[in-house]
Protein backbone atom coordinates (compact mmCIF):
# COMPACT_ATOMS: atom_id res chain seq x y z
CA MET A 1 136.07 73.82 49.69
CA LEU A 2 134.16 76.26 51.89
CA ALA A 3 131.37 74.84 54.01
CA SER A 4 128.05 76.58 53.55
CA ARG A 5 126.50 78.26 56.62
CA PRO A 6 123.43 76.37 57.94
CA GLN A 7 120.15 78.12 57.30
CA THR A 8 116.73 77.87 58.93
CA ILE A 9 113.28 79.18 58.34
CA PHE A 10 112.27 81.98 60.80
CA ASN A 11 108.84 83.62 60.42
CA GLY A 12 108.69 82.48 56.81
CA VAL A 13 112.11 83.97 55.91
CA LEU A 14 115.25 82.02 55.15
CA THR A 15 117.83 83.09 57.75
CA SER A 16 120.99 81.92 59.44
CA PRO A 17 121.12 80.76 63.07
CA MET A 18 122.87 84.01 64.03
CA SER A 19 120.07 86.15 62.64
CA THR A 20 117.46 83.90 64.28
CA ALA A 21 119.08 84.30 67.70
CA SER A 22 119.32 88.06 67.20
CA ALA A 23 115.63 88.27 66.38
CA GLN A 24 114.73 86.25 69.47
CA ARG A 25 116.88 88.50 71.66
CA LEU A 26 115.10 91.52 70.27
CA ARG A 27 111.81 90.12 71.49
CA ILE A 28 112.92 90.11 75.15
CA PRO A 29 113.23 93.88 75.69
CA THR A 30 110.00 94.36 73.75
CA ARG A 31 108.10 92.13 76.16
CA LEU A 32 109.73 93.85 79.13
CA ALA A 33 108.76 97.24 77.78
CA MET A 34 105.13 96.15 77.54
CA ARG A 35 105.18 95.42 81.29
CA SER A 36 107.28 98.36 82.33
CA ARG A 37 104.54 100.86 83.14
CA ARG A 38 102.90 98.89 85.93
CA ARG A 39 106.28 97.94 87.37
CA LEU A 40 107.52 101.50 87.10
CA PHE A 41 104.61 102.88 89.12
CA ALA A 42 104.72 100.02 91.63
CA PHE A 43 108.45 100.59 92.16
CA THR A 44 108.03 104.35 92.60
CA ILE A 45 105.17 103.98 95.09
CA GLY A 46 107.22 101.44 97.04
CA VAL A 47 110.26 103.71 97.19
CA LEU A 48 108.24 106.76 98.27
CA VAL A 49 106.28 104.97 101.00
CA ALA A 50 109.38 103.15 102.26
CA ASN A 51 111.25 106.43 102.61
CA ALA A 52 108.25 108.11 104.26
CA VAL A 53 108.10 105.50 107.05
CA ALA A 54 111.78 104.55 107.36
CA THR A 55 112.39 106.81 110.37
CA ARG A 56 109.46 105.36 112.29
CA VAL A 57 110.52 101.80 111.58
CA ILE A 58 114.10 102.46 112.69
CA ASP A 59 112.96 104.26 115.85
CA ALA A 60 110.53 101.47 116.74
CA VAL A 61 113.19 98.77 116.35
CA ALA A 62 115.73 100.81 118.33
CA GLN A 63 113.34 101.58 121.21
CA LEU A 64 111.34 98.34 121.45
CA GLY A 65 113.64 95.74 119.97
CA PRO A 66 112.92 93.71 116.83
CA ALA A 67 110.32 91.36 118.37
CA ASN A 68 108.23 94.02 120.15
CA ALA A 69 108.51 96.40 117.22
CA LEU A 70 107.27 93.70 114.88
CA ALA A 71 104.36 92.89 117.19
CA SER A 72 103.33 96.56 117.37
CA GLY A 73 103.45 97.11 113.60
CA LEU A 74 107.00 98.46 113.20
CA GLY A 75 106.12 101.92 114.45
CA LEU A 76 102.90 102.15 112.44
CA SER A 77 100.18 99.48 112.35
CA TRP A 78 99.48 96.25 110.57
CA ALA A 79 96.60 98.00 108.85
CA PHE A 80 99.20 100.23 107.22
CA TRP A 81 101.40 97.36 106.04
CA LEU A 82 98.44 95.44 104.66
CA SER A 83 97.26 98.53 102.79
CA PHE A 84 100.75 99.10 101.42
CA ALA A 85 101.01 95.51 100.18
CA LEU A 86 97.59 95.66 98.51
CA CYS A 87 98.51 98.95 96.83
CA ILE A 88 101.61 97.40 95.24
CA ARG A 89 99.62 94.31 94.22
CA LEU A 90 96.97 96.41 92.48
CA ALA A 91 99.62 98.23 90.48
CA LEU A 92 101.32 94.98 89.46
CA ILE A 93 98.14 93.27 88.20
CA GLU A 94 97.39 96.17 85.86
CA GLU A 95 97.20 95.23 82.19
CA ASP A 96 100.56 95.50 80.43
CA GLN A 97 101.22 98.90 78.89
CA PRO A 98 104.43 100.50 77.69
CA ALA A 99 105.76 103.32 79.84
CA GLY A 100 105.86 106.66 78.05
CA ALA A 101 108.30 109.51 78.42
CA ARG A 102 105.90 111.36 80.72
CA ASP A 103 105.69 108.31 83.00
CA PHE A 104 109.47 108.18 83.32
CA TRP A 105 109.67 111.91 84.07
CA VAL A 106 106.99 111.73 86.77
CA CYS A 107 108.37 108.58 88.39
CA GLY A 108 111.91 109.92 88.14
CA ALA A 109 110.82 113.04 90.00
CA GLY A 110 109.22 110.80 92.63
CA VAL A 111 112.41 108.78 93.11
CA ALA A 112 114.39 112.03 93.33
CA ALA A 113 112.01 113.22 96.06
CA ALA A 114 112.62 109.99 97.95
CA LEU A 115 116.34 110.81 98.04
CA ILE A 116 115.57 113.84 100.23
CA PRO A 117 115.92 112.63 103.86
CA ILE A 118 112.67 114.28 104.99
CA SER A 119 109.71 111.95 105.38
CA PRO A 120 106.92 114.45 104.57
CA VAL A 121 108.53 115.17 101.20
CA SER A 122 108.09 111.52 100.19
CA SER A 123 104.48 111.56 101.42
CA LEU A 124 103.82 114.71 99.40
CA ALA A 125 105.41 113.13 96.32
CA CYS A 126 103.26 110.03 96.86
CA THR A 127 100.18 112.26 96.83
CA ALA A 128 101.31 113.92 93.58
CA LEU A 129 102.01 110.54 91.95
CA ALA A 130 98.60 109.21 93.01
CA LEU A 131 96.84 112.25 91.57
CA PHE A 132 98.81 111.90 88.33
CA MET A 133 97.71 108.27 88.01
CA LEU A 134 94.09 109.13 88.78
CA LEU A 135 93.99 111.93 86.19
CA ASP A 136 95.78 109.94 83.51
CA ARG A 137 93.15 108.83 80.98
CA THR A 138 95.38 106.05 79.68
CA ALA A 139 95.73 104.39 83.10
CA GLY A 140 93.81 101.16 83.55
CA VAL A 141 91.28 100.39 86.24
CA TYR A 142 93.75 98.58 88.53
CA LEU A 143 96.36 101.30 88.25
CA LYS A 144 93.74 103.87 89.23
CA ALA A 145 92.70 101.63 92.12
CA ALA A 146 96.33 101.51 93.27
CA ALA A 147 96.41 105.31 93.03
CA MET A 148 93.38 105.57 95.35
CA VAL A 149 95.09 103.37 97.92
CA ALA A 150 98.32 105.36 97.60
CA LEU A 151 96.33 108.55 98.15
CA ALA A 152 94.72 107.06 101.28
CA ILE A 153 98.17 106.06 102.55
CA SER A 154 99.49 109.58 102.02
CA ILE A 155 96.45 110.97 103.87
CA GLN A 156 97.31 108.79 106.85
CA LEU A 157 101.02 109.67 106.73
CA LEU A 158 100.81 113.38 105.98
CA TRP A 159 97.49 115.11 105.44
CA SER A 160 95.71 113.95 108.58
CA ARG A 161 98.65 115.24 110.60
CA LEU A 162 98.66 118.56 108.78
CA LEU A 163 94.93 118.81 109.38
CA MET A 164 95.50 118.25 113.08
CA LEU A 165 98.04 121.07 113.21
CA PHE A 166 95.17 123.47 112.58
CA PHE A 167 92.26 121.62 114.21
CA VAL A 168 93.88 119.59 117.00
CA GLY A 169 92.46 121.98 119.62
CA PRO A 170 88.76 121.66 118.70
CA VAL A 171 89.02 117.91 117.97
CA ALA A 172 90.84 117.15 121.23
CA ASP A 173 88.40 119.35 123.16
CA LEU A 174 85.46 117.47 121.65
CA ASP A 175 86.95 114.10 122.61
CA ALA A 176 87.63 115.36 126.13
CA HIS A 177 84.05 116.62 126.55
CA LEU A 178 82.63 113.30 125.33
CA VAL A 179 84.78 111.41 127.85
CA GLY A 180 83.82 113.86 130.62
CA LEU A 181 80.15 113.48 129.72
CA ILE A 182 80.38 109.68 130.06
CA MET A 183 82.31 109.74 133.35
CA GLN A 184 80.74 112.91 134.75
CA THR A 185 84.15 114.40 135.56
CA PRO A 186 85.36 117.99 135.10
CA VAL A 187 86.76 119.02 131.70
CA HIS A 188 89.18 121.87 130.97
CA GLY A 189 89.93 122.25 127.26
CA ASN A 190 91.55 119.00 126.13
CA MET A 191 92.01 117.74 129.70
CA VAL A 192 89.53 115.58 131.58
CA GLY A 193 89.73 114.52 135.20
CA PHE A 194 90.35 110.92 136.22
CA ALA A 195 87.42 109.04 137.70
CA ASP A 196 89.26 108.70 141.03
CA GLY A 197 90.20 112.40 141.01
CA SER A 198 93.94 111.71 141.24
CA HIS A 199 95.06 113.02 137.84
CA ARG A 200 93.87 114.63 134.63
CA LEU A 201 94.05 113.06 131.18
CA SER A 202 95.45 115.31 128.46
CA ILE A 203 94.23 114.30 124.99
CA LEU A 204 96.89 115.00 122.37
CA GLU A 205 97.00 114.61 118.59
CA ALA A 206 97.91 110.91 118.49
CA CYS A 207 95.01 110.05 120.83
CA THR A 208 92.28 111.83 118.86
CA SER A 209 89.60 110.08 116.86
CA VAL A 210 90.80 111.73 113.63
CA GLN A 211 94.16 109.99 113.70
CA ASN A 212 92.57 106.59 114.25
CA ALA A 213 89.96 107.30 111.55
CA SER A 214 92.70 107.95 108.98
CA VAL A 215 94.12 104.47 109.64
CA ALA A 216 90.68 102.89 109.23
CA LEU A 217 90.06 104.88 106.03
CA MET A 218 93.34 103.67 104.54
CA LEU A 219 92.52 100.03 105.26
CA PHE A 220 88.95 100.38 104.01
CA VAL A 221 90.07 101.84 100.68
CA ALA A 222 92.74 99.15 100.25
CA ILE A 223 90.35 96.24 100.87
CA VAL A 224 87.45 97.63 98.85
CA ARG A 225 89.61 98.59 95.86
CA THR A 226 91.14 95.11 95.87
CA PHE A 227 87.76 93.44 95.38
CA ARG A 228 86.06 96.31 93.53
CA PRO A 229 88.56 98.43 91.57
CA GLN A 230 85.94 100.96 90.49
CA PRO A 231 84.27 102.97 93.30
CA LYS A 232 80.53 103.14 93.99
CA VAL A 233 78.47 105.84 95.68
CA SER A 234 77.18 103.30 98.21
CA GLU A 235 80.68 103.11 99.71
CA LEU A 236 80.08 106.49 101.35
CA TYR A 237 77.47 104.96 103.69
CA PHE A 238 79.90 102.27 104.79
CA LEU A 239 82.61 104.89 105.30
CA LEU A 240 80.25 106.85 107.54
CA GLY A 241 79.58 103.72 109.59
CA LEU A 242 83.32 103.08 109.78
CA PHE A 243 84.09 106.57 111.08
CA ILE A 244 81.34 106.37 113.71
CA SER A 245 82.66 103.00 114.87
CA VAL A 246 86.22 104.31 115.16
CA VAL A 247 85.08 107.34 117.15
CA VAL A 248 83.11 105.11 119.55
CA VAL A 249 86.10 102.77 120.05
CA ASN A 250 88.44 105.71 120.66
CA ILE A 251 86.09 107.30 123.19
CA ILE A 252 85.85 103.96 125.03
CA ARG A 253 89.66 103.75 125.00
CA LEU A 254 90.03 107.26 126.40
CA THR A 255 87.38 106.56 129.03
CA LEU A 256 89.29 103.49 130.20
CA MET A 257 92.52 105.51 130.34
CA ALA A 258 90.83 108.13 132.51
CA GLN A 259 89.72 105.67 135.21
CA ASN A 260 92.96 105.66 137.21
CA ILE A 261 96.70 105.80 136.68
CA GLU A 262 97.07 102.02 136.56
CA MET A 263 94.47 101.70 133.81
CA PHE A 264 96.10 104.60 131.97
CA HIS A 265 99.46 102.82 131.81
CA LEU A 266 97.79 99.54 130.81
CA VAL A 267 95.75 100.98 127.91
CA HIS A 268 98.40 103.49 126.81
CA GLY A 269 101.36 101.12 127.21
CA ASP A 270 102.94 98.28 125.27
CA ILE A 271 99.93 96.02 125.82
CA GLY A 272 97.09 98.42 125.09
CA TRP A 273 98.50 99.96 121.92
CA PRO A 274 98.75 96.69 119.91
CA VAL A 275 95.26 95.77 121.11
CA ILE A 276 93.84 99.08 119.85
CA ASN A 277 95.64 98.60 116.54
CA ALA A 278 94.10 95.14 116.23
CA ILE A 279 90.61 96.42 117.05
CA ILE A 280 90.82 99.26 114.50
CA THR A 281 92.14 96.81 111.90
CA VAL A 282 89.24 94.41 112.52
CA ILE A 283 86.71 97.26 112.35
CA GLY A 284 88.16 98.45 109.04
CA LEU A 285 88.10 94.91 107.67
CA LEU A 286 84.49 94.31 108.76
CA TRP A 287 83.14 97.50 107.17
CA ALA A 288 85.18 96.87 104.01
CA VAL A 289 83.87 93.30 103.71
CA LEU A 290 80.31 94.56 104.22
CA SER A 291 80.85 97.02 101.38
CA VAL A 292 82.13 94.35 98.96
CA ARG A 293 80.12 91.41 100.31
CA ARG A 294 78.63 90.65 96.88
CA GLU A 295 82.05 90.58 95.22
CA VAL A 296 83.49 88.42 98.01
CA PHE A 297 80.72 85.89 98.61
CA ASP A 298 78.83 85.67 95.29
């Protein structure tokens, strides 16, 4: 006599255990698909940014050693790493949506760009991905916020440097004249004389106020978008205050460097650079908290 197969009730339908298990397994990929869009964009941003900064991280570890490289921000700054982490977090807390074919094509192109061993290509692809997310009408508020942070990161990694290729002369000359005006020392182009007259300080791209301002901008956008995903016009006033603060700090730094050769090596060396990074990070945090003080403290 043949034994009858056990049957159960599943969603109001009489089924066998095998069909019940199959139905439950079918639910798993469906739930994953509903979360795939936010994870897809977060993964692509992570890959692009990681490839864009990989060379700097490797060089910093090789030149300074793991401990010193870590203390100095792994060749970048801790403001950068905090902004990067907040960008990924914003993408991951987006409301679940299924990824469409267009999303896979765009993110696939981004991952393909990351395979090219040229850092600016990944930064450029990060910019394109951020613009795609911002222009996508189906993207939620947190995904758009993540796109704004990704755009600010790409500005710091790529566009500020491209801008300086064309305007480094006038910007460096302006910084030099401001330092010379404070110290009352002779200025020649982007070079200003030391206070003791022994040397001249040459202001290059990495020492300009623009480069430091791009770091502060990135951190400001990351903090503000975390607490307030949708932008407000009033943020422009806080950004203006942030830029003025960064310029003042950078001019003070350059003035200290131009006192004498000993002060130059102290401020420009392994001790001064982490301190400047910390100061710029704190300034960015303070202006960002002022901008979102109601969201933070209310």
